[in-house]
C-alpha atoms as a PDB file:
ATOM      1  CA  MET A   1      63.994  18.756 -20.377  1.00  0.00           C
ATOM      2  CA  PHE A   2      64.771  16.044 -17.837  1.00  0.00           C
ATOM      3  CA  THR A   3      67.688  15.035 -15.614  1.00  0.00           C
ATOM      4  CA  GLY A   4      67.655  11.242 -15.761  1.00  0.00           C
ATOM      5  CA  ILE A   5      66.817  10.989 -12.051  1.00  0.00           C
ATOM      6  CA  ILE A   6      63.843   8.637 -11.935  1.00  0.00           C
ATOM      7  CA  GLN A   7      61.072   9.816  -9.627  1.00  0.00           C
ATOM      8  CA  LYS A   8      58.664   6.873  -9.662  1.00  0.00           C
ATOM      9  CA  ILE A   9      58.124   3.444 -11.150  1.00  0.00           C
ATOM     10  CA  GLY A  10      54.763   3.289 -12.908  1.00  0.00           C
ATOM     11  CA  THR A  11      52.679   0.348 -14.110  1.00  0.00           C
ATOM     12  CA  VAL A  12      51.214   0.050 -17.604  1.00  0.00           C
ATOM     13  CA  LYS A  13      47.447  -0.414 -17.180  1.00  0.00           C
ATOM     14  CA  ARG A  14      46.216  -0.240 -20.773  1.00  0.00           C
ATOM     15  CA  VAL A  15      47.715  -0.341 -24.261  1.00  0.00           C
ATOM     16  CA  SER A  16      45.366   0.820 -27.025  1.00  0.00           C
ATOM     17  CA  ARG A  17      46.166   0.388 -30.715  1.00  0.00           C
ATOM     18  CA  GLY A  18      43.289   2.080 -32.506  1.00  0.00           C
ATOM     19  CA  ALA A  19      44.221   4.914 -34.853  1.00  0.00           C
ATOM     20  CA  GLY A  20      47.520   5.142 -32.917  1.00  0.00           C
ATOM     21  CA  LEU A  21      49.266   3.855 -29.830  1.00  0.00           C
ATOM     22  CA  VAL A  22      47.850   5.121 -26.516  1.00  0.00           C
ATOM     23  CA  LEU A  23      49.309   4.214 -23.123  1.00  0.00           C
ATOM     24  CA  GLU A  24      47.587   4.430 -19.763  1.00  0.00           C
ATOM     25  CA  ILE A  25      50.015   4.325 -16.834  1.00  0.00           C
ATOM     26  CA  ALA A  26      49.281   4.152 -13.113  1.00  0.00           C
ATOM     27  CA  PHE A  27      51.572   5.571 -10.440  1.00  0.00           C
ATOM     28  CA  GLU A  28      51.772   6.515  -6.788  1.00  0.00           C
ATOM     29  CA  PRO A  29      50.477  10.131  -6.677  1.00  0.00           C
ATOM     30  CA  TRP A  30      52.923  13.025  -6.661  1.00  0.00           C
ATOM     31  CA  ALA A  31      52.536  15.724  -4.008  1.00  0.00           C
ATOM     32  CA  LYS A  32      51.933  18.171  -6.871  1.00  0.00           C
ATOM     33  CA  PRO A  33      49.314  16.663  -9.217  1.00  0.00           C
ATOM     34  CA  LEU A  34      49.937  16.217 -12.929  1.00  0.00           C
ATOM     35  CA  GLU A  35      48.675  18.819 -15.367  1.00  0.00           C
ATOM     36  CA  ALA A  36      47.183  18.340 -18.819  1.00  0.00           C
ATOM     37  CA  GLY A  37      49.766  19.029 -21.504  1.00  0.00           C
ATOM     38  CA  GLU A  38      52.833  18.641 -19.294  1.00  0.00           C
ATOM     39  CA  SER A  39      55.767  16.500 -20.385  1.00  0.00           C
ATOM     40  CA  ILE A  40      56.665  13.270 -18.661  1.00  0.00           C
ATOM     41  CA  ALA A  41      59.417  10.803 -19.527  1.00  0.00           C
ATOM     42  CA  VAL A  42      58.392   7.136 -19.749  1.00  0.00           C
ATOM     43  CA  ASN A  43      61.471   4.882 -19.894  1.00  0.00           C
ATOM     44  CA  GLY A  44      63.331   7.939 -21.135  1.00  0.00           C
ATOM     45  CA  VAL A  45      60.794   8.891 -23.814  1.00  0.00           C
ATOM     46  CA  CYS A  46      59.229  12.350 -23.599  1.00  0.00           C
ATOM     47  CA  LEU A  47      55.421  12.086 -23.791  1.00  0.00           C
ATOM     48  CA  THR A  48      52.618  14.595 -23.283  1.00  0.00           C
ATOM     49  CA  VAL A  49      49.981  14.011 -20.622  1.00  0.00           C
ATOM     50  CA  ALA A  50      46.671  13.927 -22.495  1.00  0.00           C
ATOM     51  CA  ARG A  51      44.296  12.842 -19.733  1.00  0.00           C
ATOM     52  CA  PHE A  52      44.946  12.189 -16.067  1.00  0.00           C
ATOM     53  CA  SER A  53      43.520  11.458 -12.641  1.00  0.00           C
ATOM     54  CA  VAL A  54      45.115  11.344  -9.204  1.00  0.00           C
ATOM     55  CA  ASP A  55      46.976   8.088  -9.833  1.00  0.00           C
ATOM     56  CA  ARG A  56      47.172   7.544 -13.592  1.00  0.00           C
ATOM     57  CA  PHE A  57      47.630   9.311 -16.910  1.00  0.00           C
ATOM     58  CA  THR A  58      47.108   8.639 -20.604  1.00  0.00           C
ATOM     59  CA  ALA A  59      49.523   9.631 -23.367  1.00  0.00           C
ATOM     60  CA  ASP A  60      49.427   9.369 -27.151  1.00  0.00           C
ATOM     61  CA  VAL A  61      52.541   7.956 -28.825  1.00  0.00           C
ATOM     62  CA  LEU A  62      53.659   9.180 -32.240  1.00  0.00           C
ATOM     63  CA  LYS A  63      54.293   6.516 -34.879  1.00  0.00           C
ATOM     64  CA  GLU A  64      57.906   7.729 -35.140  1.00  0.00           C
ATOM     65  CA  THR A  65      58.307   7.407 -31.356  1.00  0.00           C
ATOM     66  CA  GLU A  66      56.782   3.934 -31.381  1.00  0.00           C
ATOM     67  CA  GLU A  67      59.202   2.770 -34.075  1.00  0.00           C
ATOM     68  CA  ARG A  68      62.326   4.311 -32.525  1.00  0.00           C
ATOM     69  CA  THR A  69      61.706   3.291 -28.895  1.00  0.00           C
ATOM     70  CA  GLY A  70      60.445   0.296 -26.970  1.00  0.00           C
ATOM     71  CA  LEU A  71      57.096   1.848 -26.027  1.00  0.00           C
ATOM     72  CA  GLY A  72      55.302  -0.128 -28.720  1.00  0.00           C
ATOM     73  CA  GLU A  73      56.386  -3.378 -27.055  1.00  0.00           C
ATOM     74  CA  LEU A  74      54.951  -2.552 -23.629  1.00  0.00           C
ATOM     75  CA  LEU A  75      52.245  -4.810 -22.220  1.00  0.00           C
ATOM     76  CA  PRO A  76      49.745  -4.277 -19.378  1.00  0.00           C
ATOM     77  CA  GLY A  77      51.402  -4.956 -16.029  1.00  0.00           C
ATOM     78  CA  GLU A  78      54.905  -3.931 -17.100  1.00  0.00           C
ATOM     79  CA  LYS A  79      56.852  -1.479 -14.971  1.00  0.00           C
ATOM     80  CA  VAL A  80      58.219   1.766 -16.423  1.00  0.00           C
ATOM     81  CA  ASN A  81      60.487   4.573 -15.246  1.00  0.00           C
ATOM     82  CA  LEU A  82      58.765   7.944 -14.775  1.00  0.00           C
ATOM     83  CA  GLU A  83      60.229  11.440 -14.527  1.00  0.00           C
ATOM     84  CA  ARG A  84      58.359  14.727 -14.757  1.00  0.00           C
ATOM     85  CA  ALA A  85      59.932  17.547 -16.755  1.00  0.00           C
ATOM     86  CA  LEU A  86      62.439  19.804 -15.023  1.00  0.00           C
ATOM     87  CA  ARG A  87      61.044  23.098 -13.746  1.00  0.00           C
ATOM     88  CA  ALA A  88      62.883  26.338 -13.055  1.00  0.00           C
ATOM     89  CA  GLY A  89      64.535  26.074  -9.657  1.00  0.00           C
ATOM     90  CA  ASP A  90      64.568  22.247  -9.564  1.00  0.00           C
ATOM     91  CA  ALA A  91      67.792  20.477  -8.604  1.00  0.00           C
ATOM     92  CA  MET A  92      69.871  19.326 -11.585  1.00  0.00           C
ATOM     93  CA  GLY A  93      70.957  15.999 -10.155  1.00  0.00           C
ATOM     94  CA  GLY A  94      71.760  13.975 -13.269  1.00  0.00           C
ATOM     95  CA  HIS A  95      72.566  15.380 -16.716  1.00  0.00           C
ATOM     96  CA  ILE A  96      70.650  17.097 -19.518  1.00  0.00           C
ATOM     97  CA  VAL A  97      68.194  14.549 -20.915  1.00  0.00           C
ATOM     98  CA  GLN A  98      65.847  15.597 -23.712  1.00  0.00           C
ATOM     99  CA  GLY A  99      63.647  12.517 -23.763  1.00  0.00           C
ATOM    100  CA  HIS A 100      64.539  12.001 -27.439  1.00  0.00           C
ATOM    101  CA  VAL A 101      65.750   8.417 -27.745  1.00  0.00           C
ATOM    102  CA  ASP A 102      68.601   7.937 -30.228  1.00  0.00           C
ATOM    103  CA  SER A 103      68.421   4.169 -30.583  1.00  0.00           C
ATOM    104  CA  ARG A 104      67.614   0.856 -28.958  1.00  0.00           C
ATOM    105  CA  GLY A 105      70.358  -1.091 -27.258  1.00  0.00           C
ATOM    106  CA  THR A 106      70.668  -4.638 -25.947  1.00  0.00           C
ATOM    107  CA  LEU A 107      71.818  -5.586 -22.457  1.00  0.00           C
ATOM    108  CA  VAL A 108      74.594  -8.155 -23.026  1.00  0.00           C
ATOM    109  CA  ALA A 109      76.090  -8.407 -19.523  1.00  0.00           C
ATOM    110  CA  LYS A 110      75.094  -7.616 -15.943  1.00  0.00           C
ATOM    111  CA  GLU A 111      77.969  -8.424 -13.614  1.00  0.00           C
ATOM    112  CA  PRO A 112      78.278  -7.808  -9.855  1.00  0.00           C
ATOM    113  CA  ARG A 113      81.239  -5.667  -8.790  1.00  0.00           C
ATOM    114  CA  GLY A 114      81.226  -5.845  -5.009  1.00  0.00           C
ATOM    115  CA  ARG A 115      77.920  -4.259  -3.952  1.00  0.00           C
ATOM    116  CA  ASP A 116      77.455  -2.633  -7.385  1.00  0.00           C
ATOM    117  CA  PHE A 117      76.713  -3.935 -10.887  1.00  0.00           C
ATOM    118  CA  ARG A 118      78.366  -3.257 -14.236  1.00  0.00           C
ATOM    119  CA  LEU A 119      75.959  -3.236 -17.180  1.00  0.00           C
ATOM    120  CA  LYS A 120      77.269  -3.749 -20.711  1.00  0.00           C
ATOM    121  CA  VAL A 121      75.006  -2.549 -23.507  1.00  0.00           C
ATOM    122  CA  ARG A 122      75.383  -3.130 -27.234  1.00  0.00           C
ATOM    123  CA  CYS A 123      74.603   0.345 -28.562  1.00  0.00           C
ATOM    124  CA  GLY A 124      75.758   0.428 -32.184  1.00  0.00           C
ATOM    125  CA  ARG A 125      78.713   2.218 -33.752  1.00  0.00           C
ATOM    126  CA  VAL A 126      77.094   5.636 -34.173  1.00  0.00           C
ATOM    127  CA  LEU A 127      76.160   6.140 -30.530  1.00  0.00           C
ATOM    128  CA  ALA A 128      79.450   4.620 -29.350  1.00  0.00           C
ATOM    129  CA  ALA A 129      81.355   7.100 -31.519  1.00  0.00           C
ATOM    130  CA  GLN A 130      79.391   9.999 -30.001  1.00  0.00           C
ATOM    131  CA  SER A 131      80.161   8.850 -26.442  1.00  0.00           C
ATOM    132  CA  VAL A 132      83.232   9.393 -24.268  1.00  0.00           C
ATOM    133  CA  LEU A 133      84.653   7.697 -21.206  1.00  0.00           C
ATOM    134  CA  LYS A 134      83.168   9.272 -18.045  1.00  0.00           C
ATOM    135  CA  GLY A 135      80.540  10.957 -20.195  1.00  0.00           C
ATOM    136  CA  SER A 136      76.805  10.600 -19.638  1.00  0.00           C
ATOM    137  CA  ILE A 137      74.225   8.255 -21.158  1.00  0.00           C
ATOM    138  CA  ALA A 138      70.528   7.746 -20.389  1.00  0.00           C
ATOM    139  CA  ILE A 139      69.423   4.093 -20.342  1.00  0.00           C
ATOM    140  CA  ASP A 140      65.634   3.753 -20.136  1.00  0.00           C
ATOM    141  CA  GLY A 141      65.724   7.330 -18.896  1.00  0.00           C
ATOM    142  CA  VAL A 142      68.265   6.693 -16.102  1.00  0.00           C
ATOM    143  CA  SER A 143      71.258   9.052 -16.003  1.00  0.00           C
ATOM    144  CA  LEU A 144      74.451   6.987 -15.840  1.00  0.00           C
ATOM    145  CA  THR A 145      78.196   7.488 -16.342  1.00  0.00           C
ATOM    146  CA  ILE A 146      80.078   5.560 -19.017  1.00  0.00           C
ATOM    147  CA  THR A 147      82.889   3.490 -17.447  1.00  0.00           C
ATOM    148  CA  GLU A 148      84.038   1.520 -20.508  1.00  0.00           C
ATOM    149  CA  ILE A 149      83.481   1.985 -24.221  1.00  0.00           C
ATOM    150  CA  GLY A 150      84.140   0.002 -27.397  1.00  0.00           C
ATOM    151  CA  ASP A 151      83.370   0.186 -31.099  1.00  0.00           C
ATOM    152  CA  ASP A 152      79.693  -0.683 -30.667  1.00  0.00           C
ATOM    153  CA  TRP A 153      79.186  -1.126 -26.914  1.00  0.00           C
ATOM    154  CA  LEU A 154      79.529   0.694 -23.631  1.00  0.00           C
ATOM    155  CA  CYS A 155      79.455  -0.092 -19.930  1.00  0.00           C
ATOM    156  CA  VAL A 156      77.999   1.739 -16.960  1.00  0.00           C
ATOM    157  CA  ASP A 157      78.190   0.999 -13.246  1.00  0.00           C
ATOM    158  CA  ALA A 158      75.028   1.115 -11.116  1.00  0.00           C
ATOM    159  CA  ILE A 159      74.699   1.281  -7.347  1.00  0.00           C
ATOM    160  CA  PRO A 160      72.081  -0.880  -5.583  1.00  0.00           C
ATOM    161  CA  THR A 161      69.744   2.114  -5.149  1.00  0.00           C
ATOM    162  CA  THR A 162      69.654   2.689  -8.907  1.00  0.00           C
ATOM    163  CA  LEU A 163      68.687  -0.925  -9.537  1.00  0.00           C
ATOM    164  CA  SER A 164      66.035  -1.004  -6.817  1.00  0.00           C
ATOM    165  CA  GLU A 165      64.458   2.369  -7.625  1.00  0.00           C
ATOM    166  CA  THR A 166      64.308   1.984 -11.431  1.00  0.00           C
ATOM    167  CA  VAL A 167      63.330  -0.713 -13.916  1.00  0.00           C
ATOM    168  CA  LEU A 168      67.019  -1.391 -14.623  1.00  0.00           C
ATOM    169  CA  GLY A 169      66.881  -3.800 -11.703  1.00  0.00           C
ATOM    170  CA  LEU A 170      64.329  -5.847 -13.661  1.00  0.00           C
ATOM    171  CA  ARG A 171      66.338  -5.969 -16.885  1.00  0.00           C
ATOM    172  CA  ARG A 172      67.788  -9.331 -17.945  1.00  0.00           C
ATOM    173  CA  ILE A 173      70.464 -10.287 -20.458  1.00  0.00           C
ATOM    174  CA  GLY A 174      69.053  -9.879 -23.966  1.00  0.00           C
ATOM    175  CA  ASP A 175      66.511  -7.209 -22.987  1.00  0.00           C
ATOM    176  CA  ARG A 176      66.236  -4.159 -25.224  1.00  0.00           C
ATOM    177  CA  VAL A 177      66.646  -0.692 -23.683  1.00  0.00           C
ATOM    178  CA  ASN A 178      66.111   2.912 -24.799  1.00  0.00           C
ATOM    179  CA  LEU A 179      69.331   4.899 -25.231  1.00  0.00           C
ATOM    180  CA  GLU A 180      69.872   8.656 -25.348  1.00  0.00           C
ATOM    181  CA  GLY A 181      73.397   9.960 -25.740  1.00  0.00           C
ATOM    182  CA  ASP A 182      74.701  13.171 -24.197  1.00  0.00           C
ATOM    183  CA  VAL A 183      73.251  16.054 -26.219  1.00  0.00           C
ATOM    184  CA  LEU A 184      76.581  17.931 -26.033  1.00  0.00           C
ATOM    185  CA  GLY A 185      78.373  14.920 -27.452  1.00  0.00           C
ATOM    186  CA  LYS A 186      75.960  14.723 -30.391  1.00  0.00           C
ATOM    187  CA  TYR A 187      76.485  18.361 -31.337  1.00  0.00           C
ATOM    188  CA  LEU A 188      80.249  18.014 -30.965  1.00  0.00           C
ATOM    189  CA  ALA A 189      80.255  14.878 -33.109  1.00  0.00           C
ATOM    190  CA  ARG A 190      78.726  16.870 -35.973  1.00  0.00           C
ATOM    191  CA  LYS A 191      81.204  19.710 -35.536  1.00  0.00           C
ATOM    192  CA  VAL A 192      84.412  17.738 -35.079  1.00  0.00           C
ATOM    193  CA  SER A 193      85.444  15.802 -38.176  1.00  0.00           C
ATOM    194  CA  GLY A 194      87.195  12.455 -37.776  1.00  0.00           C
ATOM    195  CA  GLY A 195      85.132  11.310 -34.810  1.00  0.00           C
ATOM    196  CA  LEU A 196      84.734  12.366 -31.199  1.00  0.00           C
ATOM    197  CA  THR A 197      88.095  11.416 -29.691  1.00  0.00           C
ATOM    198  CA  GLU A 198      89.955  12.849 -26.698  1.00  0.00           C
ATOM    199  CA  GLU A 199      92.456  14.398 -29.140  1.00  0.00           C
ATOM    200  CA  ALA A 200      89.663  16.073 -31.110  1.00  0.00           C
ATOM    201  CA  LEU A 201      88.030  17.361 -27.922  1.00  0.00           C
ATOM    202  CA  ALA A 202      91.349  18.760 -26.709  1.00  0.00           C
ATOM    203  CA  ALA A 203      91.925  20.483 -30.047  1.00  0.00           C
ATOM    204  CA  ALA A 204      88.460  22.044 -29.800  1.00  0.00           C
ATOM    205  CA  GLY A 205      89.250  23.333 -26.295  1.00  0.00           C
ATOM    206  CA  PHE A 206      87.007  20.992 -24.288  1.00  0.00           C
ATOM    207  CA  ILE A 207      89.832  19.185 -22.462  1.00  0.00           C
ATOM    208  CA  VAL A 208      92.607  21.020 -20.630  1.00  0.00           C
END
């Protein structure tokens, strides 16, 4: 499990496409070294560390993961968001992120709002229906709060630190991004018939 609080920006060093996709990613070393078999989120996608050294690691990517996320489109030199899995006792600074991407989205607007920026992402009807205003969404692994929502899009606001410390600052209009909806919202959407509306949430006892 992750929190959506990005810890480092890594750099793709090698992309291998032999029997399957393999990524090698370099990073500034953590104080506590990586371990073989641990989970690490790359642009919001949970991967397993297969091999590692002080400043880089290699991970195998499942075919299903490659098809559902943007990892298969990465090229050497590209920057990626990195977050190590949450450990017992760690601060829960963002929201519950599983590292299981629901869909790809498209950045359709990036507008300044004073010192901040509002990002509008085309996310599709299914994910939009599972989302709620002021709920959480992970975009390329970054925990953000939904500030507007439509039939097939949503908006989030980002402070300058978020843009400078994650790859969201590098995203341009038309870029594709990995999206993971709030896990609680997905379970509720299956339970509550008629869609996940404020009325349905109130009837189920989630809004007072």
